[in-house]
Amino acid sequence: MAGNRVFTLKGVRDFNAEHIFDCGQCFRWDREDDGSYTGVVGTNAVNIKIEDGILTIDNCTQEDYSSFWRDYLDMDRDYSELKVRLSDGDEIMMKAVEYGYGIRMLKQDPWETVISFIISQNSNIPRIKKCIATLCENFGESIGVYRGTERFSFPGAKTLAQLEPEDLAICRLGYRDKYIIQTARAVAGDGGEMLAAAREQSFEEAEAYVRSLHGVGPKVANCILLFGLLKYESFPLDVWMKRIMSELYGFDEKDLKGMTAYAKKHYGEYSGIAQQYLFYYARENL
């Protein structure tokens, strides 16, 4: 895989690679010694670096950027305006957006998001990343060598549907292996049509479908809705979010309905983006 194609964009604001790729929304991006990040999306491996407002994407042409990466990186959203809107009258959110000023919401593949967040439950980010990397290396397809390492695509539903839970033992997924196989069979059963259609459905319809998949509870469902189905009103509540809503906003940690209602009232259609600012801030500061 040649790495001699480089795309650059000047005057980029509200973009910090560490904030984007280490805020818990994705698991196939790795930090390099120079602060850049290398990742695989679909069958494309790239390296992304931002310095002095100049965005550099290695192994990417102008056409590649225009047709895919611009949308994937959510470059057309005005995050400056959004941060002002979210933090209006909210000192906690103001601190969170200042801390995670460079977060952007990646527009990720729905299928990869489903499996990634099934794997994520009751785990930590380093372990999740390792499990997903092993899954791809063993069941994905090689897309060539990039920056000295062989890279692999994320295995499709049809591929995983043909396996048995014990085949995934090498990935050390524990009880999640059966969830992944069952979900793969459900998605492959209709050729992925229902999952693809969920992006266009109402929040309630998409949520009902996602919750019908094996191993998908409320928290995982909300992550899939937010990161894979682009339902930005979704407000995932994991242990960190419960903690920040309790310690900083005064909610009882068991009052999930109250937290969700608060987000809906104060952050509305951008609750999920607000959640990412709060999550990143809480994980680093509480």
Protein backbone atom coordinates (compact mmCIF):
# COMPACT_ATOMS: atom_id res chain seq x y z
CA MET A 1 0.00 0.00 0.00
CA ALA A 2 1.65 3.20 -1.15
CA GLY A 3 1.84 6.03 1.33
CA ASN A 4 3.04 8.76 -1.00
CA ARG A 5 -0.34 10.45 -1.46
CA VAL A 6 -0.79 13.33 0.96
CA PHE A 7 -3.75 15.69 1.33
CA THR A 8 -3.46 18.94 3.28
CA LEU A 9 -6.06 21.47 4.37
CA LYS A 10 -5.20 24.83 5.91
CA GLY A 11 -7.20 26.94 8.34
CA VAL A 12 -8.79 24.03 10.19
CA ARG A 13 -10.40 24.92 13.52
CA ASP A 14 -11.94 22.91 16.34
CA PHE A 15 -9.90 19.82 15.46
CA ASN A 16 -7.61 17.96 17.84
CA ALA A 17 -6.61 14.43 16.86
CA GLU A 18 -6.16 13.24 20.45
CA HIS A 19 -9.58 14.57 21.43
CA ILE A 20 -11.25 12.92 18.43
CA PHE A 21 -9.58 9.53 18.42
CA ASP A 22 -9.17 9.04 22.19
CA CYS A 23 -12.57 10.24 23.42
CA GLY A 24 -14.13 6.77 23.40
CA GLN A 25 -16.08 6.96 20.15
CA CYS A 26 -13.76 4.72 18.07
CA PHE A 27 -11.28 1.91 18.59
CA ARG A 28 -9.21 1.44 15.41
CA TRP A 29 -7.06 4.56 15.64
CA ASP A 30 -3.62 4.49 17.26
CA ARG A 31 -1.43 7.36 18.38
CA GLU A 32 2.04 7.63 16.82
CA ASP A 33 5.13 9.09 18.49
CA ASP A 34 4.68 12.40 16.65
CA GLY A 35 1.12 12.87 17.95
CA SER A 36 -0.51 11.83 14.68
CA TYR A 37 -3.02 8.95 14.49
CA THR A 38 -3.08 5.98 12.15
CA GLY A 39 -6.32 4.13 11.53
CA VAL A 40 -8.25 1.85 9.23
CA VAL A 41 -11.69 2.80 7.96
CA GLY A 42 -13.29 0.35 5.55
CA THR A 43 -10.46 -0.69 3.22
CA ASN A 44 -8.49 2.51 3.72
CA ALA A 45 -5.54 3.02 6.06
CA VAL A 46 -4.44 6.61 6.66
CA ASN A 47 -2.42 8.74 9.03
CA ILE A 48 -3.95 12.00 10.27
CA LYS A 49 -2.05 14.89 11.77
CA ILE A 50 -3.09 18.43 12.73
CA GLU A 51 -0.51 21.13 13.39
CA ASP A 52 -0.94 24.92 13.43
CA GLY A 53 -4.36 24.59 11.83
CA ILE A 54 -3.04 22.45 8.98
CA LEU A 55 -4.73 19.05 8.61
CA THR A 56 -2.57 16.44 6.88
CA ILE A 57 -3.98 13.09 5.77
CA ASP A 58 -1.40 10.65 4.43
CA ASN A 59 -2.45 8.06 1.83
CA CYS A 60 -5.33 10.31 0.77
CA THR A 61 -5.98 12.27 -2.44
CA GLN A 62 -8.11 15.37 -2.93
CA GLU A 63 -10.79 13.10 -4.39
CA ASP A 64 -10.56 10.72 -1.43
CA TYR A 65 -11.03 13.63 0.96
CA SER A 66 -13.96 15.10 -0.95
CA SER A 67 -15.75 11.78 -1.43
CA PHE A 68 -15.17 10.24 2.00
CA TRP A 69 -12.91 11.78 4.65
CA ARG A 70 -14.58 15.19 4.69
CA ASP A 71 -17.86 13.59 5.72
CA TYR A 72 -16.27 10.96 7.98
CA LEU A 73 -14.47 13.68 9.97
CA ASP A 74 -17.63 15.82 10.11
CA MET A 75 -15.76 18.77 8.61
CA ASP A 76 -18.88 20.67 7.54
CA ARG A 77 -20.27 21.14 11.05
CA ASP A 78 -19.59 24.47 12.77
CA TYR A 79 -18.28 23.25 16.11
CA SER A 80 -17.42 26.77 17.28
CA GLU A 81 -21.05 27.79 17.11
CA LEU A 82 -22.18 24.50 18.61
CA LYS A 83 -19.88 24.81 21.63
CA VAL A 84 -21.22 28.29 22.37
CA ARG A 85 -24.77 26.97 22.10
CA LEU A 86 -24.20 23.96 24.35
CA SER A 87 -22.35 25.88 27.06
CA ASP A 88 -24.73 28.83 27.25
CA GLY A 89 -25.61 29.23 30.94
CA ASP A 90 -23.85 25.94 31.82
CA GLU A 91 -20.50 26.46 33.55
CA ILE A 92 -19.78 22.73 33.69
CA MET A 93 -20.30 22.33 29.97
CA MET A 94 -18.21 25.44 29.39
CA LYS A 95 -15.28 23.76 31.15
CA ALA A 96 -15.90 20.53 29.23
CA VAL A 97 -15.89 22.16 25.78
CA GLU A 98 -12.78 24.15 26.68
CA TYR A 99 -11.02 20.96 27.73
CA GLY A 100 -12.14 18.85 24.76
CA TYR A 101 -12.26 21.77 22.31
CA GLY A 102 -11.09 19.65 19.37
CA ILE A 103 -13.64 16.82 19.52
CA ARG A 104 -15.46 15.99 16.30
CA MET A 105 -18.01 13.23 15.81
CA LEU A 106 -16.81 10.58 13.37
CA LYS A 107 -19.42 9.19 10.98
CA GLN A 108 -18.67 5.53 11.47
CA ASP A 109 -19.86 2.40 9.71
CA PRO A 110 -23.03 1.10 11.41
CA TRP A 111 -22.01 -2.58 11.33
CA GLU A 112 -18.55 -1.96 12.76
CA THR A 113 -20.10 0.24 15.43
CA VAL A 114 -22.59 -2.46 16.47
CA ILE A 115 -19.89 -5.09 17.01
CA SER A 116 -17.38 -2.66 18.54
CA PHE A 117 -19.79 -1.53 21.23
CA ILE A 118 -21.01 -5.05 21.98
CA ILE A 119 -17.33 -5.81 22.62
CA SER A 120 -16.96 -2.62 24.68
CA GLN A 121 -19.37 -3.51 27.47
CA ASN A 122 -17.77 -3.98 30.90
CA SER A 123 -14.30 -3.35 29.49
CA ASN A 124 -11.71 -0.59 29.08
CA ILE A 125 -10.45 1.12 25.95
CA PRO A 126 -7.01 -0.59 25.67
CA ARG A 127 -8.62 -4.02 26.02
CA ILE A 128 -11.44 -3.17 23.59
CA LYS A 129 -8.89 -2.01 21.00
CA LYS A 130 -6.87 -5.19 21.40
CA CYS A 131 -9.95 -7.43 21.02
CA ILE A 132 -11.09 -5.58 17.89
CA ALA A 133 -7.59 -5.66 16.37
CA THR A 134 -7.43 -9.42 16.94
CA LEU A 135 -10.89 -9.87 15.43
CA CYS A 136 -9.83 -7.98 12.30
CA GLU A 137 -6.49 -9.76 11.97
CA ASN A 138 -8.12 -13.19 12.16
CA PHE A 139 -11.39 -12.67 10.30
CA GLY A 140 -11.01 -9.49 8.25
CA GLU A 141 -9.28 -9.25 4.88
CA SER A 142 -5.77 -7.91 4.40
CA ILE A 143 -5.74 -4.48 2.76
CA GLY A 144 -1.95 -4.40 2.47
CA VAL A 145 1.00 -3.01 4.39
CA TYR A 146 0.86 0.62 5.53
CA ARG A 147 3.56 2.33 7.59
CA GLY A 148 5.30 -1.00 8.05
CA THR A 149 2.29 -2.91 9.39
CA GLU A 150 -0.16 -5.21 7.63
CA ARG A 151 -3.65 -3.77 7.95
CA PHE A 152 -6.99 -5.56 7.91
CA SER A 153 -10.58 -4.65 7.17
CA PHE A 154 -13.32 -5.13 9.73
CA PRO A 155 -15.00 -8.53 9.16
CA GLY A 156 -18.46 -8.32 7.64
CA ALA A 157 -21.68 -9.76 9.06
CA LYS A 158 -21.72 -12.57 6.49
CA THR A 159 -18.21 -13.66 7.50
CA LEU A 160 -18.91 -13.71 11.24
CA ALA A 161 -22.32 -15.33 10.73
CA GLN A 162 -20.59 -18.46 9.44
CA LEU A 163 -18.58 -18.90 12.62
CA GLU A 164 -19.37 -20.53 15.94
CA PRO A 165 -18.72 -18.77 19.27
CA GLU A 166 -15.71 -21.01 19.95
CA ASP A 167 -14.08 -19.76 16.73
CA LEU A 168 -13.77 -16.36 18.40
CA ALA A 169 -11.86 -17.73 21.40
CA ILE A 170 -8.62 -16.29 20.00
CA CYS A 171 -10.11 -12.79 20.42
CA ARG A 172 -10.70 -13.34 24.15
CA LEU A 173 -14.18 -11.85 24.07
CA GLY A 174 -15.62 -13.95 26.87
CA TYR A 175 -19.40 -14.06 27.02
CA ARG A 176 -19.58 -11.52 24.19
CA ASP A 177 -18.58 -14.08 21.54
CA LYS A 178 -22.05 -15.59 21.36
CA TYR A 179 -23.63 -12.14 21.14
CA ILE A 180 -21.43 -11.29 18.18
CA ILE A 181 -22.25 -14.49 16.30
CA GLN A 182 -25.99 -14.17 16.95
CA THR A 183 -26.00 -10.50 15.94
CA ALA A 184 -23.97 -11.28 12.80
CA ARG A 185 -26.53 -13.92 11.81
CA ALA A 186 -29.40 -11.50 12.38
CA VAL A 187 -27.79 -8.75 10.29
CA ALA A 188 -26.57 -11.11 7.56
CA GLY A 189 -30.02 -12.68 7.43
CA ASP A 190 -31.50 -9.70 5.60
CA GLY A 191 -28.31 -8.64 3.86
CA GLY A 192 -27.84 -5.77 6.30
CA GLU A 193 -30.89 -3.94 4.95
CA MET A 194 -32.54 -3.21 8.31
CA LEU A 195 -29.30 -1.89 9.80
CA ALA A 196 -28.68 0.31 6.77
CA ALA A 197 -32.25 1.62 6.88
CA ALA A 198 -31.97 2.51 10.57
CA ARG A 199 -30.03 5.70 9.80
CA GLU A 200 -33.08 7.07 8.01
CA GLN A 201 -35.60 5.90 10.59
CA SER A 202 -36.88 7.86 13.55
CA PHE A 203 -34.92 7.60 16.78
CA GLU A 204 -37.57 5.32 18.28
CA GLU A 205 -37.65 2.97 15.30
CA ALA A 206 -33.87 2.76 15.10
CA GLU A 207 -33.62 2.19 18.85
CA ALA A 208 -36.17 -0.65 18.71
CA TYR A 209 -34.21 -2.36 15.95
CA VAL A 210 -30.84 -1.98 17.67
CA ARG A 211 -32.26 -3.24 20.97
CA SER A 212 -33.53 -6.35 19.15
CA LEU A 213 -29.93 -7.41 18.47
CA HIS A 214 -28.31 -9.89 20.86
CA GLY A 215 -26.15 -8.37 23.57
CA VAL A 216 -27.41 -4.83 23.05
CA GLY A 217 -28.69 -3.18 26.22
CA PRO A 218 -29.64 0.48 26.76
CA LYS A 219 -26.10 1.89 27.04
CA VAL A 220 -24.70 -0.04 24.05
CA ALA A 221 -27.81 0.81 22.03
CA ASN A 222 -27.32 4.52 22.68
CA CYS A 223 -23.67 4.30 21.60
CA ILE A 224 -24.65 2.55 18.37
CA LEU A 225 -27.39 5.11 17.75
CA LEU A 226 -24.97 7.98 18.29
CA PHE A 227 -21.76 6.80 16.65
CA GLY A 228 -23.06 4.51 13.91
CA LEU A 229 -26.57 5.69 13.11
CA LEU A 230 -25.86 9.41 13.62
CA LYS A 231 -28.73 9.96 16.04
CA TYR A 232 -27.14 12.94 17.76
CA GLU A 233 -29.95 13.23 20.29
CA SER A 234 -28.76 9.97 21.86
CA PHE A 235 -27.21 10.37 25.33
CA PRO A 236 -25.22 7.24 26.34
CA LEU A 237 -24.86 6.77 30.09
CA ASP A 238 -21.92 4.66 31.15
CA VAL A 239 -20.16 4.64 34.52
CA TRP A 240 -18.27 7.86 33.71
CA MET A 241 -21.36 9.72 32.58
CA LYS A 242 -23.33 8.61 35.63
CA ARG A 243 -20.48 9.85 37.76
CA ILE A 244 -20.25 13.28 36.13
CA MET A 245 -24.02 13.73 36.15
CA SER A 246 -24.00 12.82 39.83
CA GLU A 247 -20.95 14.78 41.00
CA LEU A 248 -21.32 17.86 38.81
CA TYR A 249 -25.05 18.09 38.12
CA GLY A 250 -26.36 16.61 41.37
CA PHE A 251 -28.24 13.59 40.04
CA ASP A 252 -28.57 10.33 41.92
CA GLU A 253 -26.40 7.83 40.00
CA LYS A 254 -29.43 5.56 39.54
CA ASP A 255 -31.63 8.32 38.11
CA LEU A 256 -30.98 7.56 34.45
CA LYS A 257 -34.38 8.88 33.38
CA GLY A 258 -33.66 12.19 35.07
CA MET A 259 -30.26 12.47 33.39
CA THR A 260 -31.74 11.67 29.99
CA ALA A 261 -34.54 14.18 30.49
CA TYR A 262 -32.02 16.85 31.51
CA ALA A 263 -29.96 16.23 28.36
CA LYS A 264 -33.05 16.36 26.16
CA LYS A 265 -34.14 19.66 27.71
CA HIS A 266 -30.75 21.40 27.74
CA TYR A 267 -28.89 19.87 24.80
CA GLY A 268 -31.74 18.66 22.59
CA GLU A 269 -30.75 17.33 19.18
CA TYR A 270 -27.06 17.67 20.12
CA SER A 271 -27.22 15.67 23.37
CA GLY A 272 -24.79 13.08 22.01
CA ILE A 273 -22.18 15.69 21.15
CA ALA A 274 -22.62 17.23 24.60
CA GLN A 275 -22.13 13.76 26.03
CA GLN A 276 -18.77 13.43 24.28
CA TYR A 277 -17.48 16.70 25.74
CA LEU A 278 -18.64 15.66 29.22
CA PHE A 279 -17.30 12.10 28.85
CA TYR A 280 -13.85 13.23 27.76
CA TYR A 281 -13.69 15.87 30.49
CA ALA A 282 -14.87 13.48 33.20
CA ARG A 283 -12.54 10.66 32.23
CA GLU A 284 -9.52 12.95 32.40
CA ASN A 285 -10.47 15.14 35.38
CA LEU A 286 -12.67 13.25 37.85
